[in-house]
Amino acid sequence: MEAPWSPDQVLSTITNVRTFVVVSHTVPLDGEFSLNDLPGGAGRLDILCRCAVEAFLLSHGIRKDARLHLVIRDQFVITLEGQRLRHLNPDERSTAALLRRALALGGELRLGESARSTAGINVCRTGLAELLEELQAAGAALVLLDEGGEPLRSAPLAEHAAFVLSDHRDFAPQELELLDGVQRVSVGPKWLHGHQCITLVHSELDQREAGWTNGLS
């Protein structure tokens, strides 16, 4: 049986991992919602499900070098770890069931505590400020995905970047304050969905690693 792991253990392996942070503002904290109404009663949990699928799933496999932190209303952080992740499928419903289970477990935790929900999925009773602080302490450079940022195709990116984006709502003022001064990057001139942005970031990094582009043009 897989042993539980903590955020500290995850963050200590930041090297060679593509990290994404998605901030959710409307998902119910107690996990008490129907899987038949993800856009409504589940507070747009469908957005987080699509982000999870795009962060990890390939046509015939899974990205072992990816990590996704879902910040739920500044109360919980659900972390999905590609190296350990199991049972993630392309459909939103089964992904939502995994996240609902993590939320239910999170309700039993005290502030700062963490626990393994399912294989490769950890939940911690913490918020965005603490997560960003821990990521930076572990050596990650924060990159805010923003339509007004410099073009991703030509942007210089740190070796250990953590890409931060919001759900269907804009970042709250206090969240933007936490991200003040970080690099801002745009994936294109059109306003896209969050999961599409993750796909484009992966594509750009894949091309850079393959030597197809050097990020300078």
C-alpha atoms as a PDB file:
ATOM      1  CA  MET A   1       0.000   0.000   0.000  1.00  0.00           C
ATOM      2  CA  GLU A   2       1.250   3.467  -0.872  1.00  0.00           C
ATOM      3  CA  ALA A   3       2.264   5.522   2.126  1.00  0.00           C
ATOM      4  CA  PRO A   4       0.754   8.976   2.689  1.00  0.00           C
ATOM      5  CA  TRP A   5       2.960  11.864   1.648  1.00  0.00           C
ATOM      6  CA  SER A   6       3.054  15.477   2.657  1.00  0.00           C
ATOM      7  CA  PRO A   7       3.354  18.768   0.733  1.00  0.00           C
ATOM      8  CA  ASP A   8       6.931  19.070   2.005  1.00  0.00           C
ATOM      9  CA  GLN A   9       7.821  15.765   0.378  1.00  0.00           C
ATOM     10  CA  VAL A  10       6.187  16.856  -2.870  1.00  0.00           C
ATOM     11  CA  LEU A  11       7.886  20.230  -2.896  1.00  0.00           C
ATOM     12  CA  SER A  12      11.268  18.686  -2.180  1.00  0.00           C
ATOM     13  CA  THR A  13      11.094  17.026  -5.613  1.00  0.00           C
ATOM     14  CA  ILE A  14      10.372  20.210  -7.596  1.00  0.00           C
ATOM     15  CA  THR A  15      13.298  19.521  -9.958  1.00  0.00           C
ATOM     16  CA  ASN A  16      12.295  18.364 -13.446  1.00  0.00           C
ATOM     17  CA  VAL A  17       8.592  18.656 -12.680  1.00  0.00           C
ATOM     18  CA  ARG A  18       6.134  20.881 -14.512  1.00  0.00           C
ATOM     19  CA  THR A  19       4.004  22.542 -11.884  1.00  0.00           C
ATOM     20  CA  PHE A  20       0.595  24.146 -12.335  1.00  0.00           C
ATOM     21  CA  VAL A  21      -1.494  25.992  -9.732  1.00  0.00           C
ATOM     22  CA  VAL A  22      -5.199  26.517 -10.401  1.00  0.00           C
ATOM     23  CA  VAL A  23      -7.145  28.745  -8.027  1.00  0.00           C
ATOM     24  CA  SER A  24     -10.814  27.818  -7.575  1.00  0.00           C
ATOM     25  CA  HIS A  25     -13.273  30.259  -6.044  1.00  0.00           C
ATOM     26  CA  THR A  26     -16.601  28.409  -6.070  1.00  0.00           C
ATOM     27  CA  VAL A  27     -16.212  24.660  -5.449  1.00  0.00           C
ATOM     28  CA  PRO A  28     -18.089  23.585  -2.261  1.00  0.00           C
ATOM     29  CA  LEU A  29     -15.682  22.858   0.561  1.00  0.00           C
ATOM     30  CA  ASP A  30     -17.587  19.916   2.019  1.00  0.00           C
ATOM     31  CA  GLY A  31     -17.700  17.814  -1.141  1.00  0.00           C
ATOM     32  CA  GLU A  32     -21.471  17.515  -0.776  1.00  0.00           C
ATOM     33  CA  PHE A  33     -22.549  17.828  -4.396  1.00  0.00           C
ATOM     34  CA  SER A  34     -23.896  15.683  -7.189  1.00  0.00           C
ATOM     35  CA  LEU A  35     -21.626  14.378  -9.904  1.00  0.00           C
ATOM     36  CA  ASN A  36     -24.509  15.016 -12.288  1.00  0.00           C
ATOM     37  CA  ASP A  37     -24.241  18.801 -11.935  1.00  0.00           C
ATOM     38  CA  LEU A  38     -20.567  19.736 -12.022  1.00  0.00           C
ATOM     39  CA  PRO A  39     -21.038  23.207 -13.584  1.00  0.00           C
ATOM     40  CA  GLY A  40     -23.855  24.144 -11.161  1.00  0.00           C
ATOM     41  CA  GLY A  41     -24.155  22.500  -7.776  1.00  0.00           C
ATOM     42  CA  ALA A  42     -20.484  21.536  -7.765  1.00  0.00           C
ATOM     43  CA  GLY A  43     -19.364  25.142  -8.262  1.00  0.00           C
ATOM     44  CA  ARG A  44     -17.714  24.695 -11.673  1.00  0.00           C
ATOM     45  CA  LEU A  45     -15.759  21.662 -10.586  1.00  0.00           C
ATOM     46  CA  ASP A  46     -15.850  20.725 -14.276  1.00  0.00           C
ATOM     47  CA  ILE A  47     -13.165  23.356 -14.845  1.00  0.00           C
ATOM     48  CA  LEU A  48     -10.809  21.699 -12.378  1.00  0.00           C
ATOM     49  CA  CYS A  49     -11.526  18.283 -13.890  1.00  0.00           C
ATOM     50  CA  ARG A  50     -10.565  19.496 -17.348  1.00  0.00           C
ATOM     51  CA  CYS A  51      -7.428  21.109 -15.938  1.00  0.00           C
ATOM     52  CA  ALA A  52      -6.460  17.788 -14.345  1.00  0.00           C
ATOM     53  CA  VAL A  53      -6.983  15.881 -17.589  1.00  0.00           C
ATOM     54  CA  GLU A  54      -4.923  18.354 -19.624  1.00  0.00           C
ATOM     55  CA  ALA A  55      -2.176  18.537 -17.003  1.00  0.00           C
ATOM     56  CA  PHE A  56      -1.545  14.788 -17.024  1.00  0.00           C
ATOM     57  CA  LEU A  57      -3.109  12.741 -19.790  1.00  0.00           C
ATOM     58  CA  LEU A  58      -1.387  11.924 -23.060  1.00  0.00           C
ATOM     59  CA  SER A  59      -2.951   9.937 -25.887  1.00  0.00           C
ATOM     60  CA  HIS A  60      -1.591   6.659 -24.538  1.00  0.00           C
ATOM     61  CA  GLY A  61      -0.129   7.491 -21.174  1.00  0.00           C
ATOM     62  CA  ILE A  62       0.317   9.991 -18.395  1.00  0.00           C
ATOM     63  CA  ARG A  63       2.816  12.778 -17.816  1.00  0.00           C
ATOM     64  CA  LYS A  64       4.911  11.551 -14.914  1.00  0.00           C
ATOM     65  CA  ASP A  65       6.733  14.891 -14.773  1.00  0.00           C
ATOM     66  CA  ALA A  66       3.631  16.975 -14.044  1.00  0.00           C
ATOM     67  CA  ARG A  67       2.138  18.235 -10.797  1.00  0.00           C
ATOM     68  CA  LEU A  68      -1.122  20.099 -10.270  1.00  0.00           C
ATOM     69  CA  HIS A  69      -2.136  22.073  -7.190  1.00  0.00           C
ATOM     70  CA  LEU A  70      -5.829  22.938  -6.939  1.00  0.00           C
ATOM     71  CA  VAL A  71      -6.429  25.717  -4.421  1.00  0.00           C
ATOM     72  CA  ILE A  72     -10.024  25.421  -3.212  1.00  0.00           C
ATOM     73  CA  ARG A  73     -11.410  28.725  -1.897  1.00  0.00           C
ATOM     74  CA  ASP A  74      -8.175  29.385  -0.011  1.00  0.00           C
ATOM     75  CA  GLN A  75      -9.033  26.594   2.434  1.00  0.00           C
ATOM     76  CA  PHE A  76      -7.653  23.423   0.873  1.00  0.00           C
ATOM     77  CA  VAL A  77      -4.931  22.516  -1.584  1.00  0.00           C
ATOM     78  CA  ILE A  78      -5.482  19.296  -3.510  1.00  0.00           C
ATOM     79  CA  THR A  79      -2.254  18.126  -5.119  1.00  0.00           C
ATOM     80  CA  LEU A  80      -2.124  15.634  -7.979  1.00  0.00           C
ATOM     81  CA  GLU A  81       1.275  14.045  -8.549  1.00  0.00           C
ATOM     82  CA  GLY A  82       1.914  12.472 -11.953  1.00  0.00           C
ATOM     83  CA  GLN A  83       4.574  10.107 -10.675  1.00  0.00           C
ATOM     84  CA  ARG A  84       2.101   8.461  -8.291  1.00  0.00           C
ATOM     85  CA  LEU A  85      -1.255   9.205  -9.919  1.00  0.00           C
ATOM     86  CA  ARG A  86      -3.668   6.372 -10.622  1.00  0.00           C
ATOM     87  CA  HIS A  87      -7.301   6.101 -11.767  1.00  0.00           C
ATOM     88  CA  LEU A  88      -7.315   9.376 -13.713  1.00  0.00           C
ATOM     89  CA  ASN A  89      -9.481   9.008 -16.817  1.00  0.00           C
ATOM     90  CA  PRO A  90     -10.476  11.445 -19.576  1.00  0.00           C
ATOM     91  CA  ASP A  91     -14.084  11.804 -18.408  1.00  0.00           C
ATOM     92  CA  GLU A  92     -14.996  14.608 -16.028  1.00  0.00           C
ATOM     93  CA  ARG A  93     -17.286  12.527 -13.848  1.00  0.00           C
ATOM     94  CA  SER A  94     -14.673  10.048 -12.633  1.00  0.00           C
ATOM     95  CA  THR A  95     -12.174  12.875 -12.070  1.00  0.00           C
ATOM     96  CA  ALA A  96     -14.802  14.782 -10.104  1.00  0.00           C
ATOM     97  CA  ALA A  97     -15.336  11.725  -7.923  1.00  0.00           C
ATOM     98  CA  LEU A  98     -11.622  11.687  -7.068  1.00  0.00           C
ATOM     99  CA  LEU A  99     -11.666  15.382  -6.170  1.00  0.00           C
ATOM    100  CA  ARG A 100     -14.875  15.025  -4.160  1.00  0.00           C
ATOM    101  CA  ARG A 101     -13.262  12.300  -2.104  1.00  0.00           C
ATOM    102  CA  ALA A 102     -10.277  14.560  -1.430  1.00  0.00           C
ATOM    103  CA  LEU A 103     -12.561  17.398  -0.321  1.00  0.00           C
ATOM    104  CA  ALA A 104     -14.454  15.122   2.035  1.00  0.00           C
ATOM    105  CA  LEU A 105     -11.191  14.017   3.610  1.00  0.00           C
ATOM    106  CA  GLY A 106      -9.980  17.609   3.829  1.00  0.00           C
ATOM    107  CA  GLY A 107     -12.913  18.454   6.054  1.00  0.00           C
ATOM    108  CA  GLU A 108     -11.476  16.150   8.715  1.00  0.00           C
ATOM    109  CA  LEU A 109      -8.086  17.880   8.773  1.00  0.00           C
ATOM    110  CA  ARG A 110      -6.807  20.586  11.070  1.00  0.00           C
ATOM    111  CA  LEU A 111      -5.002  23.631   9.758  1.00  0.00           C
ATOM    112  CA  GLY A 112      -1.673  22.572   8.237  1.00  0.00           C
ATOM    113  CA  GLU A 113      -2.477  18.857   8.237  1.00  0.00           C
ATOM    114  CA  SER A 114      -2.362  16.775   5.061  1.00  0.00           C
ATOM    115  CA  ALA A 115      -3.447  13.295   4.027  1.00  0.00           C
ATOM    116  CA  ARG A 116      -3.459  11.029   0.999  1.00  0.00           C
ATOM    117  CA  SER A 117      -6.897  10.728  -0.539  1.00  0.00           C
ATOM    118  CA  THR A 118      -6.194   8.252  -3.323  1.00  0.00           C
ATOM    119  CA  ALA A 119      -3.064   7.154  -5.166  1.00  0.00           C
ATOM    120  CA  GLY A 120      -1.240  10.303  -6.255  1.00  0.00           C
ATOM    121  CA  ILE A 121      -3.761  12.722  -4.749  1.00  0.00           C
ATOM    122  CA  ASN A 122      -3.026  14.592  -1.533  1.00  0.00           C
ATOM    123  CA  VAL A 123      -5.161  17.147   0.312  1.00  0.00           C
ATOM    124  CA  CYS A 124      -3.833  19.737   2.740  1.00  0.00           C
ATOM    125  CA  ARG A 125      -5.664  22.200   4.969  1.00  0.00           C
ATOM    126  CA  THR A 126      -3.855  25.306   3.757  1.00  0.00           C
ATOM    127  CA  GLY A 127      -4.268  28.249   1.386  1.00  0.00           C
ATOM    128  CA  LEU A 128      -2.767  30.018  -1.593  1.00  0.00           C
ATOM    129  CA  ALA A 129      -0.293  32.192   0.310  1.00  0.00           C
ATOM    130  CA  GLU A 130       1.252  29.211   2.077  1.00  0.00           C
ATOM    131  CA  LEU A 131       1.423  27.186  -1.138  1.00  0.00           C
ATOM    132  CA  LEU A 132       3.133  29.945  -3.104  1.00  0.00           C
ATOM    133  CA  GLU A 133       5.593  30.517  -0.274  1.00  0.00           C
ATOM    134  CA  GLU A 134       6.458  26.816  -0.151  1.00  0.00           C
ATOM    135  CA  LEU A 135       6.855  26.598  -3.925  1.00  0.00           C
ATOM    136  CA  GLN A 136       9.264  29.516  -3.969  1.00  0.00           C
ATOM    137  CA  ALA A 137      11.169  28.132  -0.988  1.00  0.00           C
ATOM    138  CA  ALA A 138      11.577  24.894  -2.922  1.00  0.00           C
ATOM    139  CA  GLY A 139      13.128  26.761  -5.852  1.00  0.00           C
ATOM    140  CA  ALA A 140      10.142  27.261  -8.153  1.00  0.00           C
ATOM    141  CA  ALA A 141       9.770  30.513 -10.099  1.00  0.00           C
ATOM    142  CA  LEU A 142       6.145  31.647 -10.205  1.00  0.00           C
ATOM    143  CA  VAL A 143       4.713  32.443 -13.644  1.00  0.00           C
ATOM    144  CA  LEU A 144       1.264  34.031 -13.843  1.00  0.00           C
ATOM    145  CA  LEU A 145      -0.696  33.126 -16.974  1.00  0.00           C
ATOM    146  CA  ASP A 146      -2.170  36.481 -17.927  1.00  0.00           C
ATOM    147  CA  GLU A 147      -3.556  37.819 -21.201  1.00  0.00           C
ATOM    148  CA  GLY A 148      -1.463  40.958 -20.760  1.00  0.00           C
ATOM    149  CA  GLY A 149       1.816  39.106 -20.245  1.00  0.00           C
ATOM    150  CA  GLU A 150       4.704  38.604 -22.625  1.00  0.00           C
ATOM    151  CA  PRO A 151       4.148  35.982 -25.361  1.00  0.00           C
ATOM    152  CA  LEU A 152       4.860  32.458 -24.152  1.00  0.00           C
ATOM    153  CA  ARG A 153       6.610  31.555 -27.406  1.00  0.00           C
ATOM    154  CA  SER A 154       9.382  34.079 -26.822  1.00  0.00           C
ATOM    155  CA  ALA A 155       9.339  34.349 -23.032  1.00  0.00           C
ATOM    156  CA  PRO A 156      12.417  33.197 -21.113  1.00  0.00           C
ATOM    157  CA  LEU A 157      11.258  30.666 -18.540  1.00  0.00           C
ATOM    158  CA  ALA A 158      13.014  29.469 -15.422  1.00  0.00           C
ATOM    159  CA  GLU A 159      14.016  25.824 -15.367  1.00  0.00           C
ATOM    160  CA  HIS A 160      11.666  25.188 -12.451  1.00  0.00           C
ATOM    161  CA  ALA A 161       8.600  27.281 -13.249  1.00  0.00           C
ATOM    162  CA  ALA A 162       5.227  27.015 -11.532  1.00  0.00           C
ATOM    163  CA  PHE A 163       2.409  28.304 -13.738  1.00  0.00           C
ATOM    164  CA  VAL A 164      -0.462  29.964 -11.882  1.00  0.00           C
ATOM    165  CA  LEU A 165      -3.962  30.526 -13.287  1.00  0.00           C
ATOM    166  CA  SER A 166      -7.490  31.157 -12.054  1.00  0.00           C
ATOM    167  CA  ASP A 167     -10.780  29.397 -12.743  1.00  0.00           C
ATOM    168  CA  HIS A 168     -13.691  31.136 -14.507  1.00  0.00           C
ATOM    169  CA  ARG A 169     -13.365  34.081 -12.136  1.00  0.00           C
ATOM    170  CA  ASP A 170     -10.670  36.723 -12.041  1.00  0.00           C
ATOM    171  CA  PHE A 171      -8.114  36.636  -9.266  1.00  0.00           C
ATOM    172  CA  ALA A 172      -9.287  38.441  -6.144  1.00  0.00           C
ATOM    173  CA  PRO A 173      -7.316  41.579  -5.173  1.00  0.00           C
ATOM    174  CA  GLN A 174      -5.649  39.779  -2.271  1.00  0.00           C
ATOM    175  CA  GLU A 175      -4.595  36.972  -4.602  1.00  0.00           C
ATOM    176  CA  LEU A 176      -3.108  39.403  -7.111  1.00  0.00           C
ATOM    177  CA  GLU A 177      -1.219  41.002  -4.241  1.00  0.00           C
ATOM    178  CA  LEU A 178       0.428  37.644  -3.540  1.00  0.00           C
ATOM    179  CA  LEU A 179       1.427  37.449  -7.207  1.00  0.00           C
ATOM    180  CA  ASP A 180       2.688  41.007  -7.477  1.00  0.00           C
ATOM    181  CA  GLY A 181       6.039  41.173  -9.227  1.00  0.00           C
ATOM    182  CA  VAL A 182       6.049  37.640 -10.663  1.00  0.00           C
ATOM    183  CA  GLN A 183       6.609  36.983 -14.344  1.00  0.00           C
ATOM    184  CA  ARG A 184       3.462  37.294 -16.469  1.00  0.00           C
ATOM    185  CA  VAL A 185       3.102  35.222 -19.619  1.00  0.00           C
ATOM    186  CA  SER A 186       0.339  35.051 -22.228  1.00  0.00           C
ATOM    187  CA  VAL A 187      -0.379  31.933 -24.281  1.00  0.00           C
ATOM    188  CA  GLY A 188      -1.946  33.957 -27.112  1.00  0.00           C
ATOM    189  CA  PRO A 189      -4.068  36.933 -28.176  1.00  0.00           C
ATOM    190  CA  LYS A 190      -7.400  35.179 -27.545  1.00  0.00           C
ATOM    191  CA  TRP A 191      -9.102  34.602 -24.180  1.00  0.00           C
ATOM    192  CA  LEU A 192      -8.931  30.846 -23.579  1.00  0.00           C
ATOM    193  CA  HIS A 193     -10.177  28.371 -20.991  1.00  0.00           C
ATOM    194  CA  GLY A 194      -7.792  27.378 -18.225  1.00  0.00           C
ATOM    195  CA  HIS A 195      -7.369  23.790 -19.395  1.00  0.00           C
ATOM    196  CA  GLN A 196      -6.499  25.038 -22.879  1.00  0.00           C
ATOM    197  CA  CYS A 197      -3.784  27.237 -21.386  1.00  0.00           C
ATOM    198  CA  ILE A 198      -2.286  24.213 -19.644  1.00  0.00           C
ATOM    199  CA  THR A 199      -2.250  22.326 -22.944  1.00  0.00           C
ATOM    200  CA  LEU A 200      -0.452  25.183 -24.681  1.00  0.00           C
ATOM    201  CA  VAL A 201       2.137  25.494 -21.908  1.00  0.00           C
ATOM    202  CA  HIS A 202       2.826  21.756 -22.137  1.00  0.00           C
ATOM    203  CA  SER A 203       3.137  22.019 -25.916  1.00  0.00           C
ATOM    204  CA  GLU A 204       5.603  24.885 -25.693  1.00  0.00           C
ATOM    205  CA  LEU A 205       7.728  23.114 -23.095  1.00  0.00           C
ATOM    206  CA  ASP A 206       7.604  19.878 -25.117  1.00  0.00           C
ATOM    207  CA  GLN A 207       8.907  21.754 -28.156  1.00  0.00           C
ATOM    208  CA  ARG A 208      11.674  23.437 -26.184  1.00  0.00           C
ATOM    209  CA  GLU A 209      12.786  20.137 -24.684  1.00  0.00           C
ATOM    210  CA  ALA A 210      12.772  18.529 -28.130  1.00  0.00           C
ATOM    211  CA  GLY A 211      14.862  21.360 -29.557  1.00  0.00           C
ATOM    212  CA  TRP A 212      12.135  22.516 -31.946  1.00  0.00           C
ATOM    213  CA  THR A 213      12.233  26.022 -30.488  1.00  0.00           C
ATOM    214  CA  ASN A 214      14.508  27.821 -28.083  1.00  0.00           C
ATOM    215  CA  GLY A 215      11.941  30.181 -26.614  1.00  0.00           C
ATOM    216  CA  LEU A 216      13.543  33.195 -28.259  1.00  0.00           C
ATOM    217  CA  SER A 217      11.395  33.569 -31.354  1.00  0.00           C
END
